Protein backbone atom coordinates (compact mmCIF):
# COMPACT_ATOMS: atom_id res chain seq x y z
CA UNK A 1 -67.95 -71.11 -86.45
CA UNK A 2 -67.35 -67.45 -85.86
CA UNK A 3 -70.17 -65.64 -83.84
CA UNK A 4 -71.74 -62.33 -85.35
CA UNK A 5 -72.38 -59.79 -82.22
CA UNK A 6 -75.45 -58.36 -83.66
CA UNK A 7 -77.22 -61.65 -85.13
CA UNK A 8 -76.93 -62.85 -80.86
CA UNK A 9 -78.16 -59.93 -79.56
CA UNK A 10 -81.12 -59.74 -82.00
CA UNK A 11 -81.92 -63.79 -81.07
CA UNK A 12 -81.22 -63.07 -77.22
CA UNK A 13 -84.15 -60.11 -78.18
CA UNK A 14 -86.58 -62.36 -79.93
CA UNK A 15 -86.07 -65.30 -77.12
CA UNK A 16 -86.61 -62.72 -74.07
CA UNK A 17 -89.58 -61.48 -75.62
CA UNK A 18 -91.21 -64.86 -77.00
CA UNK A 19 -90.06 -66.21 -73.73
CA UNK A 20 -92.50 -63.43 -72.28
CA UNK A 21 -95.29 -64.52 -74.36
CA UNK A 22 -95.64 -67.93 -73.14
CA UNK A 23 -95.54 -66.52 -69.38
CA UNK A 24 -98.27 -64.18 -67.06
CA UNK A 25 -97.79 -61.09 -69.25
CA UNK A 26 -99.01 -57.42 -69.25
CA UNK A 27 -99.12 -55.97 -72.83
CA UNK A 28 -98.45 -52.71 -72.22
CA UNK A 29 -95.38 -53.44 -70.08
CA UNK A 30 -94.02 -56.37 -72.98
CA UNK A 31 -94.65 -53.68 -76.05
CA UNK A 32 -92.33 -51.27 -73.81
CA UNK A 33 -89.57 -53.42 -73.53
CA UNK A 34 -90.10 -54.44 -77.33
CA UNK A 35 -89.78 -50.83 -78.78
CA UNK A 36 -86.75 -50.45 -76.96
CA UNK A 37 -84.98 -53.65 -77.68
CA UNK A 38 -85.89 -52.60 -81.33
CA UNK A 39 -83.91 -49.03 -80.86
CA UNK A 40 -81.37 -50.96 -79.42
CA UNK A 41 -80.91 -53.14 -81.92
CA UNK A 42 -81.29 -51.30 -85.44
CA UNK A 43 -79.36 -48.43 -83.92
CA UNK A 44 -81.60 -45.46 -83.65
CA UNK A 45 -82.51 -43.11 -81.11
CA UNK A 46 -86.33 -43.92 -80.57
CA UNK A 47 -89.01 -46.03 -81.57
CA UNK A 48 -92.68 -46.34 -80.89
CA UNK A 49 -95.65 -48.43 -81.26
CA UNK A 50 -98.84 -47.22 -82.81
CA UNK A 51 -102.06 -48.97 -83.10
CA UNK A 52 -105.50 -48.46 -84.66
CA UNK A 53 -108.63 -48.23 -82.92
CA UNK A 54 -112.09 -50.03 -84.20
CA UNK A 55 -112.62 -47.02 -86.06
CA UNK A 56 -109.38 -47.30 -88.12
CA UNK A 57 -107.79 -44.72 -86.06
CA UNK A 58 -104.34 -45.10 -84.71
CA UNK A 59 -103.60 -44.99 -80.99
CA UNK A 60 -99.99 -44.40 -79.44
CA UNK A 61 -99.51 -47.23 -77.39
CA UNK A 62 -95.82 -47.28 -76.25
CA UNK A 63 -92.86 -45.06 -76.97
CA UNK A 64 -89.13 -45.00 -75.84
CA UNK A 65 -88.73 -41.34 -75.09
CA UNK A 66 -90.79 -38.04 -74.35
CA UNK A 67 -89.48 -36.88 -77.73
CA UNK A 68 -91.24 -39.89 -79.54
CA UNK A 69 -94.06 -39.89 -77.75
CA UNK A 70 -94.89 -35.78 -78.66
CA UNK A 71 -94.30 -36.57 -82.01
CA UNK A 72 -96.52 -39.44 -83.07
CA UNK A 73 -99.36 -37.44 -81.13
CA UNK A 74 -98.59 -34.42 -83.78
CA UNK A 75 -97.92 -37.05 -86.07
CA UNK A 76 -101.87 -38.46 -85.47
CA UNK A 77 -102.91 -34.70 -85.04
CA UNK A 78 -101.77 -33.74 -88.86
CA UNK A 79 -102.78 -36.96 -90.25
CA UNK A 80 -99.60 -37.27 -92.13
CA UNK A 81 -95.98 -38.84 -91.04
CA UNK A 82 -94.16 -42.19 -91.80
CA UNK A 83 -96.54 -44.34 -89.38
CA UNK A 84 -99.25 -42.80 -91.15
CA UNK A 85 -98.43 -43.70 -94.53
CA UNK A 86 -97.47 -47.13 -93.15
CA UNK A 87 -100.64 -47.71 -92.09
CA UNK A 88 -102.65 -46.71 -95.07
CA UNK A 89 -100.18 -48.69 -97.67
CA UNK A 90 -99.32 -51.96 -95.42
CA UNK A 91 -96.03 -50.98 -97.14
CA UNK A 92 -92.47 -50.13 -94.83
CA UNK A 93 -91.48 -46.28 -95.18
CA UNK A 94 -87.96 -45.04 -95.20
CA UNK A 95 -86.94 -41.74 -95.48
CA UNK A 96 -83.06 -41.42 -94.88
CA UNK A 97 -82.89 -37.74 -94.79
CA UNK A 98 -85.97 -35.48 -93.69
CA UNK A 99 -84.96 -32.72 -95.69
CA UNK A 100 -85.45 -34.13 -98.53
CA UNK A 101 -89.55 -34.92 -97.59
CA UNK A 102 -90.96 -31.82 -96.61
CA UNK A 103 -93.07 -31.47 -99.55
CA UNK A 104 -94.36 -35.23 -98.91
CA UNK A 105 -95.37 -33.82 -94.85
CA UNK A 106 -95.21 -30.20 -95.06
CA UNK A 107 -96.23 -30.34 -91.09
CA UNK A 108 -94.70 -33.05 -89.90
CA UNK A 109 -90.86 -32.92 -91.36
CA UNK A 110 -90.39 -29.54 -89.37
CA UNK A 111 -91.78 -30.88 -86.14
CA UNK A 112 -89.61 -33.57 -86.52
CA UNK A 113 -86.30 -31.63 -87.19
CA UNK A 114 -87.30 -29.65 -84.08
CA UNK A 115 -87.09 -32.33 -82.16
CA UNK A 116 -83.87 -33.34 -83.73
CA UNK A 117 -85.05 -36.02 -85.58
CA UNK A 118 -82.84 -36.88 -89.10
CA UNK A 119 -84.22 -39.56 -90.77
CA UNK A 120 -87.62 -41.65 -90.20
CA UNK A 121 -88.81 -45.09 -90.91
CA UNK A 122 -91.95 -47.20 -90.23
CA UNK A 123 -93.08 -51.23 -91.00
CA UNK A 124 -96.57 -52.06 -90.60
CA UNK A 125 -97.73 -54.11 -87.50
CA UNK A 126 -99.82 -57.17 -89.67
CA UNK A 127 -101.95 -60.00 -89.07
CA UNK A 128 -104.79 -62.39 -90.87
CA UNK A 129 -104.48 -59.78 -94.03
CA UNK A 130 -105.76 -56.86 -91.62
CA UNK A 131 -103.08 -53.71 -90.49
CA UNK A 132 -103.34 -53.43 -87.02
CA UNK A 133 -100.61 -50.74 -86.84
CA UNK A 134 -97.13 -49.33 -87.52
CA UNK A 135 -94.39 -49.56 -85.98
CA UNK A 136 -91.88 -46.16 -86.20
CA UNK A 137 -87.75 -45.68 -85.93
CA UNK A 138 -86.63 -42.22 -85.78
CA UNK A 139 -82.73 -41.48 -86.24
CA UNK A 140 -80.71 -38.10 -85.10
CA UNK A 141 -78.39 -38.79 -87.79
CA UNK A 142 -79.44 -39.44 -91.95
CA UNK A 143 -79.25 -42.61 -93.08
CA UNK A 144 -80.56 -45.99 -94.71
CA UNK A 145 -82.19 -48.63 -92.52
CA UNK A 146 -80.20 -52.23 -94.63
CA UNK A 147 -82.87 -55.00 -95.69
CA UNK A 148 -81.58 -56.97 -92.44
CA UNK A 149 -82.20 -54.00 -90.56
CA UNK A 150 -85.90 -53.50 -92.17
CA UNK A 151 -86.48 -57.36 -91.36
CA UNK A 152 -85.68 -57.13 -87.56
CA UNK A 153 -88.19 -54.55 -87.20
CA UNK A 154 -90.45 -56.33 -89.01
CA UNK A 155 -89.96 -59.54 -86.91
CA UNK A 156 -90.75 -57.14 -83.62
CA UNK A 157 -93.40 -55.79 -85.39
CA UNK A 158 -95.13 -59.41 -85.46
CA UNK A 159 -94.10 -60.34 -82.20
CA UNK A 160 -96.26 -57.75 -80.78
CA UNK A 161 -98.97 -58.52 -83.14
CA UNK A 162 -98.83 -62.27 -81.19
CA UNK A 163 -98.67 -60.23 -78.10
CA UNK A 164 -101.84 -58.36 -78.48
CA UNK A 165 -103.76 -60.99 -80.04
CA UNK A 166 -102.79 -63.91 -78.20
CA UNK A 167 -105.41 -66.86 -77.60
CA UNK A 168 -107.43 -65.21 -80.04
CA UNK A 169 -107.91 -66.99 -83.56
CA UNK A 170 -106.02 -64.60 -86.29
CA UNK A 171 -109.10 -63.68 -88.47
CA UNK A 172 -110.37 -60.34 -89.49
CA UNK A 173 -113.77 -60.21 -87.15
CA UNK A 174 -111.60 -61.55 -83.96
CA UNK A 175 -108.93 -59.04 -84.26
CA UNK A 176 -110.30 -55.86 -82.82
CA UNK A 177 -111.48 -57.13 -79.17
CA UNK A 178 -108.36 -57.50 -78.05
CA UNK A 179 -107.03 -54.81 -80.13
CA UNK A 180 -109.52 -52.41 -78.21
CA UNK A 181 -108.35 -54.33 -74.94
CA UNK A 182 -104.79 -53.24 -75.32
CA UNK A 183 -105.68 -49.59 -76.34
CA UNK A 184 -108.00 -48.99 -73.15
CA UNK A 185 -104.86 -50.90 -71.31
CA UNK A 186 -102.73 -47.88 -72.75
CA UNK A 187 -105.20 -45.34 -71.77
CA UNK A 188 -105.21 -46.59 -67.81
CA UNK A 189 -101.42 -46.13 -67.74
CA UNK A 190 -101.09 -42.78 -69.50
CA UNK A 191 -104.14 -41.62 -66.53
CA UNK A 192 -102.25 -43.19 -63.73
CA UNK A 193 -98.43 -41.18 -65.76
CA UNK A 194 -100.64 -38.07 -65.38
CA UNK A 195 -102.38 -38.90 -61.62
CA UNK A 196 -98.10 -39.48 -60.38
CA UNK A 197 -96.42 -36.61 -62.23
CA UNK A 198 -99.19 -34.54 -60.13
CA UNK A 199 -99.13 -36.51 -56.89
CA UNK A 200 -95.16 -37.04 -57.34
CA UNK A 201 -94.16 -33.85 -58.80
CA UNK A 202 -91.84 -36.05 -61.02
CA UNK A 203 -91.70 -36.08 -65.12
CA UNK A 204 -94.18 -38.19 -67.44
CA UNK A 205 -91.36 -40.57 -68.03
CA UNK A 206 -90.28 -40.96 -64.41
CA UNK A 207 -93.95 -41.41 -63.31
CA UNK A 208 -94.01 -44.66 -65.89
CA UNK A 209 -90.68 -45.97 -64.68
CA UNK A 210 -91.81 -45.58 -60.91
CA UNK A 211 -95.14 -47.96 -62.24
CA UNK A 212 -93.20 -50.34 -63.85
CA UNK A 213 -90.38 -51.19 -60.88
CA UNK A 214 -93.31 -51.02 -58.71
CA UNK A 215 -95.16 -54.02 -60.83
CA UNK A 216 -92.23 -55.92 -61.85
CA UNK A 217 -90.78 -56.00 -57.73
CA UNK A 218 -94.27 -56.78 -56.73
CA UNK A 219 -95.00 -59.31 -59.35
CA UNK A 220 -98.01 -57.11 -60.36
CA UNK A 221 -99.16 -56.48 -64.15
CA UNK A 222 -98.08 -52.94 -65.13
CA UNK A 223 -102.05 -52.08 -65.82
CA UNK A 224 -103.80 -53.67 -62.88
CA UNK A 225 -100.95 -51.36 -60.36
CA UNK A 226 -102.58 -48.47 -62.75
CA UNK A 227 -105.98 -49.28 -62.50
CA UNK A 228 -105.65 -50.00 -58.93
CA UNK A 229 -104.44 -45.73 -58.69
CA UNK A 230 -107.53 -44.69 -60.97
CA UNK A 231 -110.05 -46.55 -59.91
CA UNK A 232 -109.61 -47.81 -55.81
CA UNK A 233 -109.72 -44.31 -54.03
CA UNK A 234 -110.02 -46.05 -50.78
CA UNK A 235 -106.75 -47.53 -51.32
CA UNK A 236 -104.83 -45.32 -53.14
CA UNK A 237 -102.52 -43.04 -50.27
CA UNK A 238 -101.18 -45.76 -49.91
CA UNK A 239 -100.45 -47.09 -53.16
CA UNK A 240 -99.40 -43.40 -53.89
CA UNK A 241 -96.88 -43.58 -50.42
CA UNK A 242 -95.41 -47.68 -51.67
CA UNK A 243 -95.23 -45.35 -55.06
CA UNK A 244 -93.26 -42.34 -53.74
CA UNK A 245 -90.75 -44.88 -51.72
CA UNK A 246 -89.84 -46.38 -55.16
CA UNK A 247 -89.34 -42.78 -56.46
CA UNK A 248 -86.70 -41.69 -54.00
CA UNK A 249 -85.20 -45.45 -53.48
CA UNK A 250 -81.53 -45.36 -54.34
CA UNK A 251 -80.45 -46.72 -57.74
CA UNK A 252 -79.61 -50.86 -57.66
């Protein structure tokens, strides 16, 4: 039997993510890994994960780059774009060339082109008949996603749903509490990133990398480290010093 390298990569990603689900995991950390895997497997430049809050408003949960993060936040502010449409309709969205979508998204398209994205796609996150959010895919070159690529994206979106809803029965009445918890975790991580950016004079992306590296090295959840940083003033100087050592440590 001839081995297909891409199929092997997809299976490896799925197995790794499912293994994480069977262990004690941090939802923000895992979903950050998932978006990175998605970008690698689908040969897109960036990916982002949006989750709806209890009022049905989309919130950013994870993104692979600052450009994707900024564009997703703009998309939410403008209330137009691929992830907004995907969440509203519950159907995949695929635009191979953004330049032809100006009438459809008059505010989003210029912002995406300015960010040097040329194609956009989105797949829905769905559980128990409820659309929970959307996984956005951004390419720097025009191009379609094949049926197999869309299937891979949809599979990873399903894994994201399982990560968020794990240990909760998947019914319309029970999906909201874990979704609220996931969004709350992301909020405290964003606060910690901003605090470290100012304290250590690093970029937001580097601040996130420092938090993740410290949490992994010390066997702690990413969200727990962020909570300690933001809610325990007495131990904050010691923690900031430890995080600063991570920032200055030579790469392995």
